N, C-alpha and C. Protein backbone atom coordinates (compact mmCIF):
# COMPACT_ATOMS: atom_id res chain seq x y z
N MET A 1 3.17 -40.98 29.67
CA MET A 1 1.98 -41.58 30.23
C MET A 1 1.20 -42.34 29.16
N LYS A 2 1.09 -41.72 27.97
CA LYS A 2 0.38 -42.38 26.88
C LYS A 2 1.07 -43.69 26.50
N ARG A 3 2.38 -43.64 26.55
CA ARG A 3 3.16 -44.82 26.19
C ARG A 3 2.86 -45.98 27.13
N LYS A 4 2.73 -45.67 28.41
CA LYS A 4 2.42 -46.72 29.39
C LYS A 4 1.02 -47.27 29.17
N LEU A 5 0.10 -46.42 28.79
CA LEU A 5 -1.27 -46.88 28.53
C LEU A 5 -1.33 -47.79 27.31
N LEU A 6 -0.48 -47.56 26.34
CA LEU A 6 -0.44 -48.43 25.18
C LEU A 6 0.30 -49.73 25.48
N PHE A 7 1.20 -49.69 26.44
CA PHE A 7 1.99 -50.86 26.79
C PHE A 7 1.15 -51.92 27.52
N LEU A 8 0.21 -51.51 28.34
CA LEU A 8 -0.61 -52.45 29.11
C LEU A 8 -1.41 -53.40 28.22
N PRO A 9 -2.13 -52.92 27.20
CA PRO A 9 -2.84 -53.87 26.33
C PRO A 9 -1.90 -54.84 25.61
N MET A 10 -0.69 -54.39 25.30
CA MET A 10 0.26 -55.28 24.65
C MET A 10 0.71 -56.39 25.60
N ILE A 11 0.88 -56.05 26.88
CA ILE A 11 1.25 -57.07 27.87
C ILE A 11 0.11 -58.07 28.02
N LEU A 12 -1.11 -57.57 28.13
CA LEU A 12 -2.26 -58.46 28.27
C LEU A 12 -2.42 -59.35 27.05
N LEU A 13 -2.22 -58.82 25.88
CA LEU A 13 -2.29 -59.61 24.66
C LEU A 13 -1.19 -60.68 24.64
N GLY A 14 0.01 -60.31 25.09
CA GLY A 14 1.11 -61.27 25.15
C GLY A 14 0.82 -62.41 26.11
N VAL A 15 0.27 -62.09 27.28
CA VAL A 15 -0.08 -63.12 28.26
C VAL A 15 -1.18 -64.03 27.70
N ALA A 16 -2.17 -63.42 27.06
CA ALA A 16 -3.26 -64.21 26.47
C ALA A 16 -2.73 -65.14 25.39
N LEU A 17 -1.83 -64.65 24.55
CA LEU A 17 -1.25 -65.47 23.50
C LEU A 17 -0.40 -66.59 24.09
N LEU A 18 0.36 -66.28 25.13
CA LEU A 18 1.18 -67.29 25.78
C LEU A 18 0.32 -68.39 26.41
N ALA A 19 -0.79 -68.01 27.03
CA ALA A 19 -1.70 -69.00 27.60
C ALA A 19 -2.28 -69.89 26.51
N TRP A 20 -2.61 -69.31 25.36
CA TRP A 20 -3.15 -70.09 24.25
C TRP A 20 -2.10 -71.08 23.73
N VAL A 21 -0.84 -70.63 23.64
CA VAL A 21 0.23 -71.53 23.19
C VAL A 21 0.42 -72.67 24.18
N VAL A 22 0.39 -72.38 25.47
CA VAL A 22 0.51 -73.43 26.50
C VAL A 22 -0.63 -74.43 26.36
N MET A 23 -1.84 -73.93 26.17
CA MET A 23 -3.00 -74.81 26.01
C MET A 23 -2.83 -75.72 24.79
N MET A 24 -2.42 -75.14 23.67
CA MET A 24 -2.27 -75.94 22.45
C MET A 24 -1.16 -76.99 22.60
N LEU A 25 -0.03 -76.60 23.18
CA LEU A 25 1.06 -77.55 23.37
C LEU A 25 0.68 -78.66 24.34
N TRP A 26 0.03 -78.29 25.42
CA TRP A 26 -0.41 -79.30 26.40
C TRP A 26 -1.34 -80.31 25.74
N ASN A 27 -2.34 -79.80 25.04
CA ASN A 27 -3.33 -80.68 24.42
C ASN A 27 -2.74 -81.52 23.29
N TRP A 28 -1.67 -81.07 22.69
CA TRP A 28 -1.03 -81.82 21.63
C TRP A 28 -0.09 -82.90 22.19
N VAL A 29 0.65 -82.56 23.26
CA VAL A 29 1.70 -83.45 23.75
C VAL A 29 1.25 -84.35 24.89
N MET A 30 0.66 -83.79 25.92
CA MET A 30 0.46 -84.52 27.17
C MET A 30 -0.45 -85.75 27.06
N PRO A 31 -1.61 -85.68 26.40
CA PRO A 31 -2.44 -86.88 26.34
C PRO A 31 -1.76 -88.04 25.61
N GLY A 32 -0.91 -87.76 24.66
CA GLY A 32 -0.20 -88.82 23.96
C GLY A 32 0.95 -89.40 24.75
N VAL A 33 1.56 -88.60 25.59
CA VAL A 33 2.73 -89.04 26.36
C VAL A 33 2.32 -89.74 27.65
N PHE A 34 1.38 -89.15 28.37
CA PHE A 34 0.94 -89.72 29.64
C PHE A 34 -0.49 -90.22 29.52
N ALA A 35 -0.65 -91.52 29.59
CA ALA A 35 -1.99 -92.10 29.51
C ALA A 35 -2.82 -91.60 30.68
N GLY A 36 -4.02 -91.18 30.40
CA GLY A 36 -4.91 -90.71 31.45
C GLY A 36 -4.87 -89.21 31.66
N SER A 37 -3.92 -88.50 31.05
CA SER A 37 -3.92 -87.04 31.22
C SER A 37 -4.99 -86.44 30.32
N MET A 38 -5.60 -85.38 30.80
CA MET A 38 -6.71 -84.76 30.09
C MET A 38 -6.24 -83.55 29.31
N GLN A 39 -7.07 -83.15 28.37
CA GLN A 39 -6.83 -81.89 27.70
C GLN A 39 -7.28 -80.77 28.63
N ILE A 40 -6.70 -79.59 28.46
CA ILE A 40 -7.05 -78.46 29.32
C ILE A 40 -7.67 -77.36 28.47
N ASP A 41 -8.45 -76.52 29.13
CA ASP A 41 -9.04 -75.38 28.43
C ASP A 41 -8.14 -74.15 28.63
N TYR A 42 -8.54 -73.04 28.05
CA TYR A 42 -7.75 -71.81 28.09
C TYR A 42 -7.47 -71.35 29.52
N TRP A 43 -8.50 -71.36 30.38
CA TRP A 43 -8.35 -70.84 31.73
C TRP A 43 -7.43 -71.71 32.57
N ARG A 44 -7.43 -73.01 32.33
CA ARG A 44 -6.49 -73.87 33.05
C ARG A 44 -5.06 -73.64 32.56
N ALA A 45 -4.90 -73.36 31.28
CA ALA A 45 -3.58 -73.05 30.75
C ALA A 45 -3.05 -71.75 31.38
N LEU A 46 -3.93 -70.76 31.51
CA LEU A 46 -3.54 -69.51 32.15
C LEU A 46 -3.17 -69.76 33.61
N GLY A 47 -3.95 -70.59 34.29
CA GLY A 47 -3.64 -70.95 35.67
C GLY A 47 -2.32 -71.68 35.78
N LEU A 48 -2.02 -72.51 34.80
CA LEU A 48 -0.74 -73.21 34.78
C LEU A 48 0.41 -72.23 34.64
N LEU A 49 0.24 -71.21 33.81
CA LEU A 49 1.27 -70.18 33.69
C LEU A 49 1.49 -69.45 35.01
N VAL A 50 0.41 -69.10 35.69
CA VAL A 50 0.52 -68.41 36.98
C VAL A 50 1.21 -69.31 38.00
N LEU A 51 0.84 -70.58 38.01
CA LEU A 51 1.46 -71.53 38.94
C LEU A 51 2.95 -71.65 38.68
N CYS A 52 3.34 -71.73 37.41
CA CYS A 52 4.77 -71.79 37.07
C CYS A 52 5.49 -70.53 37.52
N ARG A 53 4.83 -69.39 37.38
CA ARG A 53 5.43 -68.13 37.82
C ARG A 53 5.67 -68.14 39.32
N ILE A 54 4.70 -68.66 40.07
CA ILE A 54 4.83 -68.71 41.52
C ILE A 54 5.94 -69.69 41.92
N LEU A 55 5.95 -70.87 41.30
CA LEU A 55 6.90 -71.91 41.71
C LEU A 55 8.31 -71.66 41.21
N PHE A 56 8.45 -71.17 40.01
CA PHE A 56 9.77 -71.07 39.40
C PHE A 56 10.26 -69.65 39.21
N GLY A 57 9.41 -68.65 39.41
CA GLY A 57 9.83 -67.26 39.34
C GLY A 57 10.25 -66.79 37.96
N GLY A 58 9.58 -67.25 36.94
CA GLY A 58 9.90 -66.83 35.58
C GLY A 58 9.32 -65.46 35.25
N PHE A 59 9.39 -65.08 34.00
CA PHE A 59 8.85 -63.83 33.49
C PHE A 59 9.45 -62.62 34.21
N ARG A 60 10.75 -62.60 34.36
CA ARG A 60 11.40 -61.53 35.09
C ARG A 60 11.19 -60.19 34.41
N GLY A 61 10.94 -59.19 35.23
CA GLY A 61 10.76 -57.84 34.73
C GLY A 61 12.03 -57.03 34.87
N ARG A 62 11.88 -55.73 34.93
CA ARG A 62 13.03 -54.83 35.02
C ARG A 62 13.84 -55.06 36.27
N HIS A 63 13.18 -55.36 37.37
CA HIS A 63 13.87 -55.42 38.66
C HIS A 63 14.33 -56.82 39.02
N GLY A 64 14.14 -57.77 38.12
CA GLY A 64 14.48 -59.14 38.43
C GLY A 64 15.92 -59.53 38.16
N GLY A 65 16.73 -58.61 37.70
CA GLY A 65 18.10 -58.96 37.35
C GLY A 65 18.12 -59.45 35.92
N GLY A 66 18.09 -60.74 35.75
CA GLY A 66 17.98 -61.32 34.43
C GLY A 66 19.14 -60.94 33.52
N PHE A 67 18.89 -60.88 32.23
CA PHE A 67 19.91 -60.68 31.23
C PHE A 67 20.58 -59.32 31.35
N HIS A 68 19.79 -58.26 31.44
CA HIS A 68 20.37 -56.92 31.45
C HIS A 68 21.15 -56.66 32.73
N GLY A 69 20.64 -57.11 33.87
CA GLY A 69 21.37 -56.92 35.12
C GLY A 69 22.69 -57.67 35.10
N GLY A 70 22.70 -58.85 34.50
CA GLY A 70 23.92 -59.62 34.39
C GLY A 70 24.94 -58.95 33.50
N ARG A 71 24.47 -58.36 32.42
CA ARG A 71 25.37 -57.66 31.50
C ARG A 71 25.99 -56.45 32.18
N GLU A 72 25.18 -55.70 32.93
CA GLU A 72 25.71 -54.53 33.63
C GLU A 72 26.73 -54.94 34.68
N ARG A 73 26.43 -56.00 35.41
CA ARG A 73 27.40 -56.47 36.41
C ARG A 73 28.69 -56.91 35.73
N TRP A 74 28.59 -57.59 34.59
CA TRP A 74 29.78 -58.04 33.87
C TRP A 74 30.61 -56.85 33.40
N GLN A 75 29.95 -55.81 32.91
CA GLN A 75 30.67 -54.62 32.46
C GLN A 75 31.39 -53.94 33.61
N ARG A 76 30.72 -53.88 34.77
CA ARG A 76 31.39 -53.29 35.95
C ARG A 76 32.59 -54.13 36.35
N TRP A 77 32.44 -55.46 36.31
CA TRP A 77 33.54 -56.36 36.67
C TRP A 77 34.72 -56.15 35.72
N GLN A 78 34.43 -56.03 34.43
CA GLN A 78 35.50 -55.84 33.45
C GLN A 78 36.22 -54.51 33.64
N ALA A 79 35.52 -53.50 34.15
CA ALA A 79 36.12 -52.18 34.35
C ALA A 79 36.95 -52.10 35.63
N MET A 80 36.87 -53.11 36.50
CA MET A 80 37.62 -53.08 37.77
C MET A 80 39.09 -53.39 37.53
N THR A 81 39.91 -52.79 38.37
CA THR A 81 41.33 -53.12 38.38
C THR A 81 41.51 -54.40 39.19
N PRO A 82 42.65 -55.08 39.06
CA PRO A 82 42.88 -56.28 39.87
C PRO A 82 42.77 -56.00 41.38
N GLU A 83 43.19 -54.81 41.81
CA GLU A 83 43.09 -54.47 43.23
C GLU A 83 41.63 -54.34 43.65
N GLU A 84 40.80 -53.72 42.79
CA GLU A 84 39.38 -53.58 43.10
C GLU A 84 38.69 -54.94 43.14
N ARG A 85 39.09 -55.84 42.26
CA ARG A 85 38.51 -57.20 42.27
C ARG A 85 38.88 -57.94 43.55
N ALA A 86 40.14 -57.80 43.97
CA ALA A 86 40.57 -58.44 45.22
C ALA A 86 39.79 -57.87 46.40
N GLN A 87 39.58 -56.56 46.43
CA GLN A 87 38.80 -55.93 47.50
C GLN A 87 37.36 -56.42 47.47
N PHE A 88 36.81 -56.57 46.27
CA PHE A 88 35.45 -57.08 46.14
C PHE A 88 35.33 -58.47 46.75
N HIS A 89 36.28 -59.35 46.41
CA HIS A 89 36.26 -60.71 46.97
C HIS A 89 36.40 -60.68 48.49
N LYS A 90 37.24 -59.80 48.98
CA LYS A 90 37.43 -59.69 50.43
C LYS A 90 36.13 -59.24 51.11
N ASP A 91 35.49 -58.21 50.55
CA ASP A 91 34.24 -57.71 51.12
C ASP A 91 33.11 -58.74 50.99
N ARG A 92 33.09 -59.45 49.90
CA ARG A 92 32.03 -60.42 49.65
C ARG A 92 32.08 -61.58 50.62
N SER A 93 33.27 -61.93 51.05
CA SER A 93 33.41 -63.09 51.93
C SER A 93 32.70 -62.90 53.26
N ALA A 94 32.43 -61.67 53.64
CA ALA A 94 31.70 -61.42 54.89
C ALA A 94 30.22 -61.77 54.75
N TYR A 95 29.70 -61.78 53.52
CA TYR A 95 28.28 -62.01 53.30
C TYR A 95 27.98 -63.34 52.61
N CYS A 96 28.94 -63.88 51.91
CA CYS A 96 28.71 -65.09 51.12
C CYS A 96 29.54 -66.24 51.65
N ARG A 97 29.19 -67.40 51.17
CA ARG A 97 29.97 -68.59 51.47
C ARG A 97 31.36 -68.41 50.90
N PRO A 98 32.39 -68.83 51.60
CA PRO A 98 33.74 -68.68 51.05
C PRO A 98 33.90 -69.51 49.79
N HIS A 99 34.61 -68.95 48.85
CA HIS A 99 34.87 -69.62 47.58
C HIS A 99 36.03 -70.59 47.77
N LYS A 100 35.83 -71.83 47.40
CA LYS A 100 36.91 -72.82 47.53
C LYS A 100 37.76 -72.78 46.27
N GLU A 101 39.04 -72.68 46.49
CA GLU A 101 39.97 -72.68 45.37
C GLU A 101 40.06 -74.10 44.83
N PRO A 102 40.13 -74.26 43.51
CA PRO A 102 40.26 -75.61 42.96
C PRO A 102 41.61 -76.22 43.35
N THR A 103 41.59 -77.48 43.63
CA THR A 103 42.82 -78.17 43.98
C THR A 103 43.36 -78.86 42.74
N HIS A 104 44.65 -78.80 42.60
CA HIS A 104 45.31 -79.45 41.47
C HIS A 104 46.12 -80.62 42.01
N ASP A 105 45.62 -81.81 41.75
CA ASP A 105 46.31 -83.01 42.25
C ASP A 105 47.43 -83.44 41.35
């Protein structure tokens, strides 16, 4: 429990630092690249981060799959026998789009 309480301030500090970096990069790059673009303050940079999270779904946590989920799936795939892989493809075809085999002309 104590560990979780210490983790929350670190997350908040990380988000605050990330918002500051976004603000600095925006103010350094955007006005020079796009004529008429304005500099932004800290709160707009934080809002931009939230908007990107909503639109693009970044900042994946434990349950988002991401790197670790992909590694676990890869390890399970590597541990399968050829028969298990064939069964997986057969079962998957009921839920997914059929995989097109490459044609060799």
